């Protein structure tokens, strides 16, 4: 019925679209196509998800390079930036400034309780809560805020913080991690309680791992615009097309993720020149474990912590 009544059918990624065409909608294969702009259906509406400061300075650079600001060809725009090193460098510096403005908005919203995070839950005085939130302005923010289901690995992230050697590495890297998202069942409550216990046991964790519960289309834009590194972990073969990392990417965020679902189309590993300077790439790849756990192949914890460390170093290099 779906095949007959549809004019166009597309998937969440190139692989997903191919499966639809070759296996599910074989009788209607001519209707199964990819989106011309993104290569899949995972586009994000820029006026909603991209910070206003970023939109403004991108329009400025579009004009400098003689591009149409109303209907620009971004592929050609970024190719033109590559051919103008000095302009590209100033573009990057303005992006970093715009990110700070977006982070400040998120910090203010967090301090106001927009994301249902209270000083009582963090175990600190109310007056200290706002001060704590302000520390994020000078630290890399990693977000793994997605639907709260087991295969999206929020519990695996908390596992890492509960293991003292990994915990110390994350603290040394000054990585601030947000997990959480839309609740479906007791799994979300269990992870939130684990973070509460963790912060009770080690007060330093109040600065480094946070749980976001009030997450939906009306508040998510604040988080995605402030994100420095958008995260996506999943059990192997379970992910399709996570939208949040795409929303964060259009705000200049690099990605920390496993190569599953649409991520393999978006995440291009960081490449450095002989002087150690990043010259290309969109993020940091987290590997999978070499053995099954509970019948599934899950992200490797050491690889994940290593990605956090590397990304944090590059963050401080950029701002210093």
C-alpha atoms as a PDB file:
ATOM      1  CA  UNK A   1       0.000   0.000   0.000  1.00  0.00           C
ATOM      2  CA  UNK A   2       2.809   2.421   0.896  1.00  0.00           C
ATOM      3  CA  UNK A   3       4.560   1.775  -2.397  1.00  0.00           C
ATOM      4  CA  UNK A   4       1.397   2.354  -4.441  1.00  0.00           C
ATOM      5  CA  UNK A   5       0.362   5.620  -2.785  1.00  0.00           C
ATOM      6  CA  UNK A   6       3.844   7.181  -2.515  1.00  0.00           C
ATOM      7  CA  UNK A   7       5.290   9.517  -5.113  1.00  0.00           C
ATOM      8  CA  UNK A   8       8.810   9.328  -3.659  1.00  0.00           C
ATOM      9  CA  UNK A   9      10.374   6.963  -1.125  1.00  0.00           C
ATOM     10  CA  UNK A  10      13.732   7.613   0.523  1.00  0.00           C
ATOM     11  CA  UNK A  11      15.723   6.185   3.408  1.00  0.00           C
ATOM     12  CA  UNK A  12      17.687   7.527   6.347  1.00  0.00           C
ATOM     13  CA  UNK A  13      21.047   6.828   4.707  1.00  0.00           C
ATOM     14  CA  UNK A  14      22.539   5.554   1.454  1.00  0.00           C
ATOM     15  CA  UNK A  15      22.566   2.005   2.825  1.00  0.00           C
ATOM     16  CA  UNK A  16      19.007   2.275   4.111  1.00  0.00           C
ATOM     17  CA  UNK A  17      17.791   3.627   0.761  1.00  0.00           C
ATOM     18  CA  UNK A  18      19.457   0.755  -1.067  1.00  0.00           C
ATOM     19  CA  UNK A  19      17.779  -1.788   1.237  1.00  0.00           C
ATOM     20  CA  UNK A  20      14.405  -0.158   0.585  1.00  0.00           C
ATOM     21  CA  UNK A  21      14.964  -0.289  -3.175  1.00  0.00           C
ATOM     22  CA  UNK A  22      16.356  -3.811  -3.404  1.00  0.00           C
ATOM     23  CA  UNK A  23      14.400  -5.655  -0.737  1.00  0.00           C
ATOM     24  CA  UNK A  24      11.341  -3.837   0.631  1.00  0.00           C
ATOM     25  CA  UNK A  25       9.954  -1.848  -2.312  1.00  0.00           C
ATOM     26  CA  UNK A  26      11.229  -3.968  -5.203  1.00  0.00           C
ATOM     27  CA  UNK A  27       7.995  -3.535  -7.169  1.00  0.00           C
ATOM     28  CA  UNK A  28       8.314   0.241  -6.821  1.00  0.00           C
ATOM     29  CA  UNK A  29      12.103   0.565  -7.109  1.00  0.00           C
ATOM     30  CA  UNK A  30      11.755   3.493  -9.524  1.00  0.00           C
ATOM     31  CA  UNK A  31      10.224   5.540  -6.697  1.00  0.00           C
ATOM     32  CA  UNK A  32      13.085   4.950  -4.249  1.00  0.00           C
ATOM     33  CA  UNK A  33      15.583   7.800  -4.605  1.00  0.00           C
ATOM     34  CA  UNK A  34      18.083   9.792  -2.564  1.00  0.00           C
ATOM     35  CA  UNK A  35      17.838  13.429  -1.623  1.00  0.00           C
ATOM     36  CA  UNK A  36      19.885  15.508  -4.091  1.00  0.00           C
ATOM     37  CA  UNK A  37      21.338  17.802  -1.415  1.00  0.00           C
ATOM     38  CA  UNK A  38      22.229  15.469   1.438  1.00  0.00           C
ATOM     39  CA  UNK A  39      22.456  12.066  -0.261  1.00  0.00           C
ATOM     40  CA  UNK A  40      19.817  10.841   2.191  1.00  0.00           C
ATOM     41  CA  UNK A  41      16.743  12.095   4.020  1.00  0.00           C
ATOM     42  CA  UNK A  42      18.573  13.461   7.029  1.00  0.00           C
ATOM     43  CA  UNK A  43      18.496  17.141   6.247  1.00  0.00           C
ATOM     44  CA  UNK A  44      18.114  19.838   8.899  1.00  0.00           C
ATOM     45  CA  UNK A  45      16.222  23.070   8.382  1.00  0.00           C
ATOM     46  CA  UNK A  46      18.939  25.720   8.700  1.00  0.00           C
ATOM     47  CA  UNK A  47      16.766  28.693   9.814  1.00  0.00           C
ATOM     48  CA  UNK A  48      15.610  26.642  12.811  1.00  0.00           C
ATOM     49  CA  UNK A  49      18.718  24.766  13.863  1.00  0.00           C
ATOM     50  CA  UNK A  50      21.633  27.023  12.948  1.00  0.00           C
ATOM     51  CA  UNK A  51      22.539  29.791  15.433  1.00  0.00           C
ATOM     52  CA  UNK A  52      21.590  33.277  14.273  1.00  0.00           C
ATOM     53  CA  UNK A  53      25.173  34.472  14.753  1.00  0.00           C
ATOM     54  CA  UNK A  54      26.463  31.717  12.472  1.00  0.00           C
ATOM     55  CA  UNK A  55      23.818  32.462   9.852  1.00  0.00           C
ATOM     56  CA  UNK A  56      24.806  36.140   9.891  1.00  0.00           C
ATOM     57  CA  UNK A  57      28.534  35.683   9.366  1.00  0.00           C
ATOM     58  CA  UNK A  58      28.017  32.975   6.733  1.00  0.00           C
ATOM     59  CA  UNK A  59      25.886  35.434   4.742  1.00  0.00           C
ATOM     60  CA  UNK A  60      28.715  37.934   5.050  1.00  0.00           C
ATOM     61  CA  UNK A  61      31.213  35.475   3.583  1.00  0.00           C
ATOM     62  CA  UNK A  62      28.788  34.441   0.869  1.00  0.00           C
ATOM     63  CA  UNK A  63      28.667  38.078  -0.219  1.00  0.00           C
ATOM     64  CA  UNK A  64      32.467  38.382  -0.068  1.00  0.00           C
ATOM     65  CA  UNK A  65      32.814  35.413  -2.420  1.00  0.00           C
ATOM     66  CA  UNK A  66      30.005  36.659  -4.716  1.00  0.00           C
ATOM     67  CA  UNK A  67      27.496  33.909  -3.901  1.00  0.00           C
ATOM     68  CA  UNK A  68      23.715  34.194  -3.851  1.00  0.00           C
ATOM     69  CA  UNK A  69      22.751  34.562  -0.166  1.00  0.00           C
ATOM     70  CA  UNK A  70      19.157  33.413  -0.713  1.00  0.00           C
ATOM     71  CA  UNK A  71      19.885  30.192  -2.563  1.00  0.00           C
ATOM     72  CA  UNK A  72      23.618  29.474  -2.136  1.00  0.00           C
ATOM     73  CA  UNK A  73      25.513  26.450  -3.405  1.00  0.00           C
ATOM     74  CA  UNK A  74      27.357  25.469  -0.222  1.00  0.00           C
ATOM     75  CA  UNK A  75      29.526  22.888  -1.950  1.00  0.00           C
ATOM     76  CA  UNK A  76      30.980  25.565  -4.224  1.00  0.00           C
ATOM     77  CA  UNK A  77      31.131  28.053  -1.351  1.00  0.00           C
ATOM     78  CA  UNK A  78      33.362  25.867   0.806  1.00  0.00           C
ATOM     79  CA  UNK A  79      35.478  24.953  -2.206  1.00  0.00           C
ATOM     80  CA  UNK A  80      36.019  28.680  -2.760  1.00  0.00           C
ATOM     81  CA  UNK A  81      37.016  29.118   0.892  1.00  0.00           C
ATOM     82  CA  UNK A  82      39.647  26.393   0.455  1.00  0.00           C
ATOM     83  CA  UNK A  83      41.172  28.437  -2.350  1.00  0.00           C
ATOM     84  CA  UNK A  84      41.433  31.523  -0.117  1.00  0.00           C
ATOM     85  CA  UNK A  85      43.479  30.503   2.989  1.00  0.00           C
ATOM     86  CA  UNK A  86      43.415  33.910   4.679  1.00  0.00           C
ATOM     87  CA  UNK A  87      39.643  34.191   4.249  1.00  0.00           C
ATOM     88  CA  UNK A  88      39.194  30.627   5.486  1.00  0.00           C
ATOM     89  CA  UNK A  89      41.188  31.404   8.634  1.00  0.00           C
ATOM     90  CA  UNK A  90      39.076  34.479   9.398  1.00  0.00           C
ATOM     91  CA  UNK A  91      35.947  32.386   8.734  1.00  0.00           C
ATOM     92  CA  UNK A  92      37.085  29.858  11.352  1.00  0.00           C
ATOM     93  CA  UNK A  93      37.827  32.563  13.905  1.00  0.00           C
ATOM     94  CA  UNK A  94      34.391  34.120  13.453  1.00  0.00           C
ATOM     95  CA  UNK A  95      32.806  30.700  13.790  1.00  0.00           C
ATOM     96  CA  UNK A  96      34.554  30.208  17.141  1.00  0.00           C
ATOM     97  CA  UNK A  97      33.212  33.577  18.350  1.00  0.00           C
ATOM     98  CA  UNK A  98      29.696  32.679  17.205  1.00  0.00           C
ATOM     99  CA  UNK A  99      29.922  29.378  19.064  1.00  0.00           C
ATOM    100  CA  UNK A 100      30.686  31.231  22.290  1.00  0.00           C
ATOM    101  CA  UNK A 101      27.507  33.282  21.923  1.00  0.00           C
ATOM    102  CA  UNK A 102      25.470  30.109  21.336  1.00  0.00           C
ATOM    103  CA  UNK A 103      27.093  28.403  24.327  1.00  0.00           C
ATOM    104  CA  UNK A 104      26.232  31.355  26.547  1.00  0.00           C
ATOM    105  CA  UNK A 105      22.550  31.064  25.556  1.00  0.00           C
ATOM    106  CA  UNK A 106      22.582  27.370  26.441  1.00  0.00           C
ATOM    107  CA  UNK A 107      24.354  28.038  29.751  1.00  0.00           C
ATOM    108  CA  UNK A 108      21.785  30.683  30.684  1.00  0.00           C
ATOM    109  CA  UNK A 109      18.942  28.292  29.820  1.00  0.00           C
ATOM    110  CA  UNK A 110      20.560  25.512  31.843  1.00  0.00           C
ATOM    111  CA  UNK A 111      20.925  27.791  34.857  1.00  0.00           C
ATOM    112  CA  UNK A 112      17.232  28.788  34.550  1.00  0.00           C
ATOM    113  CA  UNK A 113      16.172  25.133  34.690  1.00  0.00           C
ATOM    114  CA  UNK A 114      14.987  24.850  31.080  1.00  0.00           C
ATOM    115  CA  UNK A 115      16.381  21.310  30.908  1.00  0.00           C
ATOM    116  CA  UNK A 116      14.940  20.299  34.299  1.00  0.00           C
ATOM    117  CA  UNK A 117      18.383  20.274  35.892  1.00  0.00           C
ATOM    118  CA  UNK A 118      18.393  21.649  39.439  1.00  0.00           C
ATOM    119  CA  UNK A 119      21.023  22.625  41.960  1.00  0.00           C
ATOM    120  CA  UNK A 120      19.553  20.034  44.333  1.00  0.00           C
ATOM    121  CA  UNK A 121      20.171  17.270  41.820  1.00  0.00           C
ATOM    122  CA  UNK A 122      23.784  18.381  41.405  1.00  0.00           C
ATOM    123  CA  UNK A 123      24.193  18.424  45.175  1.00  0.00           C
ATOM    124  CA  UNK A 124      25.281  22.069  45.392  1.00  0.00           C
ATOM    125  CA  UNK A 125      23.897  25.367  46.642  1.00  0.00           C
ATOM    126  CA  UNK A 126      21.634  27.267  44.254  1.00  0.00           C
ATOM    127  CA  UNK A 127      24.044  30.223  44.121  1.00  0.00           C
ATOM    128  CA  UNK A 128      26.857  27.889  43.056  1.00  0.00           C
ATOM    129  CA  UNK A 129      24.798  26.264  40.300  1.00  0.00           C
ATOM    130  CA  UNK A 130      24.949  29.247  37.959  1.00  0.00           C
ATOM    131  CA  UNK A 131      28.681  29.621  38.580  1.00  0.00           C
ATOM    132  CA  UNK A 132      29.180  25.955  37.723  1.00  0.00           C
ATOM    133  CA  UNK A 133      27.229  26.363  34.474  1.00  0.00           C
ATOM    134  CA  UNK A 134      29.433  29.301  33.465  1.00  0.00           C
ATOM    135  CA  UNK A 135      32.529  27.060  33.491  1.00  0.00           C
ATOM    136  CA  UNK A 136      31.226  25.388  30.324  1.00  0.00           C
ATOM    137  CA  UNK A 137      32.003  28.502  28.315  1.00  0.00           C
ATOM    138  CA  UNK A 138      35.713  27.644  28.461  1.00  0.00           C
ATOM    139  CA  UNK A 139      35.369  23.872  28.106  1.00  0.00           C
ATOM    140  CA  UNK A 140      34.474  21.520  25.262  1.00  0.00           C
ATOM    141  CA  UNK A 141      30.863  20.357  25.389  1.00  0.00           C
ATOM    142  CA  UNK A 142      30.120  16.833  24.158  1.00  0.00           C
ATOM    143  CA  UNK A 143      26.450  15.914  23.698  1.00  0.00           C
ATOM    144  CA  UNK A 144      25.012  12.413  23.495  1.00  0.00           C
ATOM    145  CA  UNK A 145      21.405  13.502  24.007  1.00  0.00           C
ATOM    146  CA  UNK A 146      19.141  11.195  22.028  1.00  0.00           C
ATOM    147  CA  UNK A 147      16.218   8.824  22.483  1.00  0.00           C
ATOM    148  CA  UNK A 148      16.795   6.927  25.712  1.00  0.00           C
ATOM    149  CA  UNK A 149      16.888   3.342  24.474  1.00  0.00           C
ATOM    150  CA  UNK A 150      19.640   0.779  25.227  1.00  0.00           C
ATOM    151  CA  UNK A 151      21.099   0.535  21.707  1.00  0.00           C
ATOM    152  CA  UNK A 152      21.997   4.259  21.759  1.00  0.00           C
ATOM    153  CA  UNK A 153      24.480   3.521  24.562  1.00  0.00           C
ATOM    154  CA  UNK A 154      23.852   6.170  27.239  1.00  0.00           C
ATOM    155  CA  UNK A 155      24.608   3.450  29.783  1.00  0.00           C
ATOM    156  CA  UNK A 156      27.958   2.712  28.118  1.00  0.00           C
ATOM    157  CA  UNK A 157      28.986   6.352  28.522  1.00  0.00           C
ATOM    158  CA  UNK A 158      28.163   6.228  32.229  1.00  0.00           C
ATOM    159  CA  UNK A 159      30.121   2.950  32.484  1.00  0.00           C
ATOM    160  CA  UNK A 160      33.200   4.880  31.385  1.00  0.00           C
ATOM    161  CA  UNK A 161      32.747   7.511  34.098  1.00  0.00           C
ATOM    162  CA  UNK A 162      32.256   4.841  36.744  1.00  0.00           C
ATOM    163  CA  UNK A 163      35.621   3.246  35.914  1.00  0.00           C
ATOM    164  CA  UNK A 164      38.252   5.289  37.844  1.00  0.00           C
ATOM    165  CA  UNK A 165      41.124   5.120  35.279  1.00  0.00           C
ATOM    166  CA  UNK A 166      38.848   6.379  32.476  1.00  0.00           C
ATOM    167  CA  UNK A 167      37.299   8.943  34.796  1.00  0.00           C
ATOM    168  CA  UNK A 168      40.692  10.478  35.547  1.00  0.00           C
ATOM    169  CA  UNK A 169      41.540  10.705  31.855  1.00  0.00           C
ATOM    170  CA  UNK A 170      38.287  12.549  31.141  1.00  0.00           C
ATOM    171  CA  UNK A 171      38.866  14.968  34.029  1.00  0.00           C
ATOM    172  CA  UNK A 172      42.389  15.668  32.792  1.00  0.00           C
ATOM    173  CA  UNK A 173      40.972  16.410  29.327  1.00  0.00           C
ATOM    174  CA  UNK A 174      38.347  18.809  30.823  1.00  0.00           C
ATOM    175  CA  UNK A 175      35.627  17.157  28.707  1.00  0.00           C
ATOM    176  CA  UNK A 176      32.061  17.992  29.766  1.00  0.00           C
ATOM    177  CA  UNK A 177      29.584  15.326  28.641  1.00  0.00           C
ATOM    178  CA  UNK A 178      25.804  15.626  28.403  1.00  0.00           C
ATOM    179  CA  UNK A 179      23.734  12.458  28.087  1.00  0.00           C
ATOM    180  CA  UNK A 180      19.998  11.858  28.235  1.00  0.00           C
ATOM    181  CA  UNK A 181      17.066  12.568  25.983  1.00  0.00           C
ATOM    182  CA  UNK A 182      13.473  11.517  25.464  1.00  0.00           C
ATOM    183  CA  UNK A 183      12.270   8.958  27.992  1.00  0.00           C
ATOM    184  CA  UNK A 184      10.406   5.782  27.032  1.00  0.00           C
ATOM    185  CA  UNK A 185      10.659   3.559  30.093  1.00  0.00           C
ATOM    186  CA  UNK A 186      12.684   2.863  33.228  1.00  0.00           C
ATOM    187  CA  UNK A 187      15.950   2.753  31.295  1.00  0.00           C
ATOM    188  CA  UNK A 188      16.161   6.574  31.347  1.00  0.00           C
ATOM    189  CA  UNK A 189      15.455   6.765  35.100  1.00  0.00           C
ATOM    190  CA  UNK A 190      18.103   4.131  35.763  1.00  0.00           C
ATOM    191  CA  UNK A 191      20.787   6.136  33.925  1.00  0.00           C
ATOM    192  CA  UNK A 192      19.808   9.366  35.631  1.00  0.00           C
ATOM    193  CA  UNK A 193      20.048   7.679  39.040  1.00  0.00           C
ATOM    194  CA  UNK A 194      23.463   6.281  38.156  1.00  0.00           C
ATOM    195  CA  UNK A 195      24.714   9.814  37.466  1.00  0.00           C
ATOM    196  CA  UNK A 196      23.260  11.017  40.774  1.00  0.00           C
ATOM    197  CA  UNK A 197      25.095   8.251  42.624  1.00  0.00           C
ATOM    198  CA  UNK A 198      28.272   9.029  40.716  1.00  0.00           C
ATOM    199  CA  UNK A 199      28.181  12.727  41.650  1.00  0.00           C
ATOM    200  CA  UNK A 200      27.505  11.790  45.291  1.00  0.00           C
ATOM    201  CA  UNK A 201      30.553   9.512  45.319  1.00  0.00           C
ATOM    202  CA  UNK A 202      32.877  11.895  43.481  1.00  0.00           C
ATOM    203  CA  UNK A 203      31.979  15.574  43.712  1.00  0.00           C
ATOM    204  CA  UNK A 204      34.215  16.369  40.730  1.00  0.00           C
ATOM    205  CA  UNK A 205      31.695  14.599  38.505  1.00  0.00           C
ATOM    206  CA  UNK A 206      29.273  17.500  39.001  1.00  0.00           C
ATOM    207  CA  UNK A 207      31.394  19.352  36.449  1.00  0.00           C
ATOM    208  CA  UNK A 208      31.871  16.582  33.927  1.00  0.00           C
ATOM    209  CA  UNK A 209      28.692  14.556  33.338  1.00  0.00           C
ATOM    210  CA  UNK A 210      25.140  15.881  33.144  1.00  0.00           C
ATOM    211  CA  UNK A 211      21.765  14.319  32.415  1.00  0.00           C
ATOM    212  CA  UNK A 212      19.332  16.165  30.132  1.00  0.00           C
ATOM    213  CA  UNK A 213      15.713  15.090  30.602  1.00  0.00           C
ATOM    214  CA  UNK A 214      13.643  17.920  29.112  1.00  0.00           C
ATOM    215  CA  UNK A 215      14.728  17.373  25.516  1.00  0.00           C
ATOM    216  CA  UNK A 216      12.384  17.958  22.573  1.00  0.00           C
ATOM    217  CA  UNK A 217      12.109  20.109  19.442  1.00  0.00           C
ATOM    218  CA  UNK A 218      11.343  23.228  21.492  1.00  0.00           C
ATOM    219  CA  UNK A 219      14.526  23.057  23.609  1.00  0.00           C
ATOM    220  CA  UNK A 220      16.923  20.963  21.535  1.00  0.00           C
ATOM    221  CA  UNK A 221      18.037  23.909  19.390  1.00  0.00           C
ATOM    222  CA  UNK A 222      19.705  25.489  22.425  1.00  0.00           C
ATOM    223  CA  UNK A 223      21.730  22.354  23.025  1.00  0.00           C
ATOM    224  CA  UNK A 224      22.660  21.674  19.388  1.00  0.00           C
ATOM    225  CA  UNK A 225      23.815  25.248  18.771  1.00  0.00           C
ATOM    226  CA  UNK A 226      26.072  25.110  21.843  1.00  0.00           C
ATOM    227  CA  UNK A 227      27.540  21.682  21.122  1.00  0.00           C
ATOM    228  CA  UNK A 228      31.247  21.554  20.342  1.00  0.00           C
ATOM    229  CA  UNK A 229      31.249  17.819  19.618  1.00  0.00           C
ATOM    230  CA  UNK A 230      28.056  15.980  18.693  1.00  0.00           C
ATOM    231  CA  UNK A 231      28.106  12.330  19.729  1.00  0.00           C
ATOM    232  CA  UNK A 232      26.545   9.185  18.290  1.00  0.00           C
ATOM    233  CA  UNK A 233      27.190   5.769  19.793  1.00  0.00           C
ATOM    234  CA  UNK A 234      25.187   2.667  18.953  1.00  0.00           C
ATOM    235  CA  UNK A 235      25.357  -1.102  18.865  1.00  0.00           C
ATOM    236  CA  UNK A 236      26.724  -2.249  15.518  1.00  0.00           C
ATOM    237  CA  UNK A 237      24.076  -2.358  12.804  1.00  0.00           C
ATOM    238  CA  UNK A 238      21.324  -0.768  14.910  1.00  0.00           C
ATOM    239  CA  UNK A 239      21.516   2.929  13.973  1.00  0.00           C
ATOM    240  CA  UNK A 240      19.766   4.459  10.969  1.00  0.00           C
ATOM    241  CA  UNK A 241      19.920   8.258  10.680  1.00  0.00           C
ATOM    242  CA  UNK A 242      20.543  10.257  13.860  1.00  0.00           C
ATOM    243  CA  UNK A 243      19.407  13.832  13.285  1.00  0.00           C
ATOM    244  CA  UNK A 244      21.015  15.505  16.296  1.00  0.00           C
ATOM    245  CA  UNK A 245      24.581  15.164  15.013  1.00  0.00           C
ATOM    246  CA  UNK A 246      23.504  16.818  11.741  1.00  0.00           C
ATOM    247  CA  UNK A 247      21.948  19.727  13.647  1.00  0.00           C
ATOM    248  CA  UNK A 248      25.152  20.145  15.641  1.00  0.00           C
ATOM    249  CA  UNK A 249      27.327  19.915  12.517  1.00  0.00           C
ATOM    250  CA  UNK A 250      25.641  22.875  10.867  1.00  0.00           C
ATOM    251  CA  UNK A 251      26.665  24.830  13.971  1.00  0.00           C
ATOM    252  CA  UNK A 252      30.327  24.013  13.453  1.00  0.00           C
ATOM    253  CA  UNK A 253      30.418  20.965  15.739  1.00  0.00           C
ATOM    254  CA  UNK A 254      32.717  18.079  14.979  1.00  0.00           C
ATOM    255  CA  UNK A 255      31.394  14.539  15.504  1.00  0.00           C
ATOM    256  CA  UNK A 256      32.489  11.799  17.922  1.00  0.00           C
ATOM    257  CA  UNK A 257      30.835   8.597  16.798  1.00  0.00           C
ATOM    258  CA  UNK A 258      30.914   4.995  15.684  1.00  0.00           C
ATOM    259  CA  UNK A 259      30.584   4.418  11.946  1.00  0.00           C
ATOM    260  CA  UNK A 260      27.047   3.090  11.880  1.00  0.00           C
ATOM    261  CA  UNK A 261      24.006   4.146   9.888  1.00  0.00           C
ATOM    262  CA  UNK A 262      24.282   7.517   8.183  1.00  0.00           C
ATOM    263  CA  UNK A 263      27.319   8.520  10.261  1.00  0.00           C
ATOM    264  CA  UNK A 264      29.706   6.804   7.856  1.00  0.00           C
ATOM    265  CA  UNK A 265      28.529   9.265   5.180  1.00  0.00           C
ATOM    266  CA  UNK A 266      29.060  12.319   7.387  1.00  0.00           C
ATOM    267  CA  UNK A 267      32.049  11.591   9.595  1.00  0.00           C
ATOM    268  CA  UNK A 268      35.335  12.059   7.766  1.00  0.00           C
ATOM    269  CA  UNK A 269      38.253  11.291  10.131  1.00  0.00           C
ATOM    270  CA  UNK A 270      40.486  14.197  11.126  1.00  0.00           C
ATOM    271  CA  UNK A 271      43.626  14.525   8.976  1.00  0.00           C
ATOM    272  CA  UNK A 272      46.693  16.527  10.072  1.00  0.00           C
ATOM    273  CA  UNK A 273      49.668  17.838   8.127  1.00  0.00           C
ATOM    274  CA  UNK A 274      53.333  17.285   9.006  1.00  0.00           C
ATOM    275  CA  UNK A 275      53.141  20.094  11.565  1.00  0.00           C
ATOM    276  CA  UNK A 276      50.155  18.527  13.345  1.00  0.00           C
ATOM    277  CA  UNK A 277      47.678  21.114  12.050  1.00  0.00           C
ATOM    278  CA  UNK A 278      44.221  19.820  11.134  1.00  0.00           C
ATOM    279  CA  UNK A 279      43.707  20.217   7.405  1.00  0.00           C
ATOM    280  CA  UNK A 280      40.522  18.206   6.824  1.00  0.00           C
ATOM    281  CA  UNK A 281      37.949  15.976   8.449  1.00  0.00           C
ATOM    282  CA  UNK A 282      34.699  16.309  10.368  1.00  0.00           C
ATOM    283  CA  UNK A 283      35.276  14.244  13.484  1.00  0.00           C
ATOM    284  CA  UNK A 284      36.661  11.385  15.523  1.00  0.00           C
ATOM    285  CA  UNK A 285      35.883   7.716  14.972  1.00  0.00           C
ATOM    286  CA  UNK A 286      35.047   5.472  17.926  1.00  0.00           C
ATOM    287  CA  UNK A 287      35.806   1.820  17.239  1.00  0.00           C
ATOM    288  CA  UNK A 288      33.809  -1.237  18.188  1.00  0.00           C
ATOM    289  CA  UNK A 289      34.755  -3.993  20.619  1.00  0.00           C
ATOM    290  CA  UNK A 290      36.228  -7.110  19.041  1.00  0.00           C
ATOM    291  CA  UNK A 291      33.925  -9.402  21.027  1.00  0.00           C
ATOM    292  CA  UNK A 292      30.183  -9.652  21.533  1.00  0.00           C
ATOM    293  CA  UNK A 293      28.589  -8.412  24.742  1.00  0.00           C
ATOM    294  CA  UNK A 294      25.097  -9.689  25.423  1.00  0.00           C
ATOM    295  CA  UNK A 295      24.852 -10.811  21.815  1.00  0.00           C
ATOM    296  CA  UNK A 296      25.697  -7.340  20.438  1.00  0.00           C
ATOM    297  CA  UNK A 297      28.837  -5.572  19.214  1.00  0.00           C
ATOM    298  CA  UNK A 298      29.190  -2.418  21.291  1.00  0.00           C
ATOM    299  CA  UNK A 299      31.451   0.665  21.185  1.00  0.00           C
ATOM    300  CA  UNK A 300      34.907   0.162  22.652  1.00  0.00           C
ATOM    301  CA  UNK A 301      35.335   2.132  25.883  1.00  0.00           C
ATOM    302  CA  UNK A 302      39.037   2.827  25.463  1.00  0.00           C
ATOM    303  CA  UNK A 303      38.498   4.060  21.908  1.00  0.00           C
ATOM    304  CA  UNK A 304      35.693   6.311  23.152  1.00  0.00           C
ATOM    305  CA  UNK A 305      37.818   7.879  25.901  1.00  0.00           C
ATOM    306  CA  UNK A 306      40.681   8.323  23.428  1.00  0.00           C
ATOM    307  CA  UNK A 307      38.349  10.205  21.071  1.00  0.00           C
ATOM    308  CA  UNK A 308      37.250  12.500  23.917  1.00  0.00           C
ATOM    309  CA  UNK A 309      40.867  13.224  24.772  1.00  0.00           C
ATOM    310  CA  UNK A 310      41.879  13.967  21.196  1.00  0.00           C
ATOM    311  CA  UNK A 311      38.859  16.170  20.545  1.00  0.00           C
ATOM    312  CA  UNK A 312      39.394  18.116  23.781  1.00  0.00           C
ATOM    313  CA  UNK A 313      43.024  18.774  22.889  1.00  0.00           C
ATOM    314  CA  UNK A 314      42.032  20.111  19.492  1.00  0.00           C
ATOM    315  CA  UNK A 315      39.374  22.293  21.132  1.00  0.00           C
ATOM    316  CA  UNK A 316      41.883  23.982  23.415  1.00  0.00           C
ATOM    317  CA  UNK A 317      44.374  24.290  20.557  1.00  0.00           C
ATOM    318  CA  UNK A 318      41.746  26.146  18.522  1.00  0.00           C
ATOM    319  CA  UNK A 319      40.769  28.578  21.267  1.00  0.00           C
ATOM    320  CA  UNK A 320      44.311  29.196  22.432  1.00  0.00           C
END
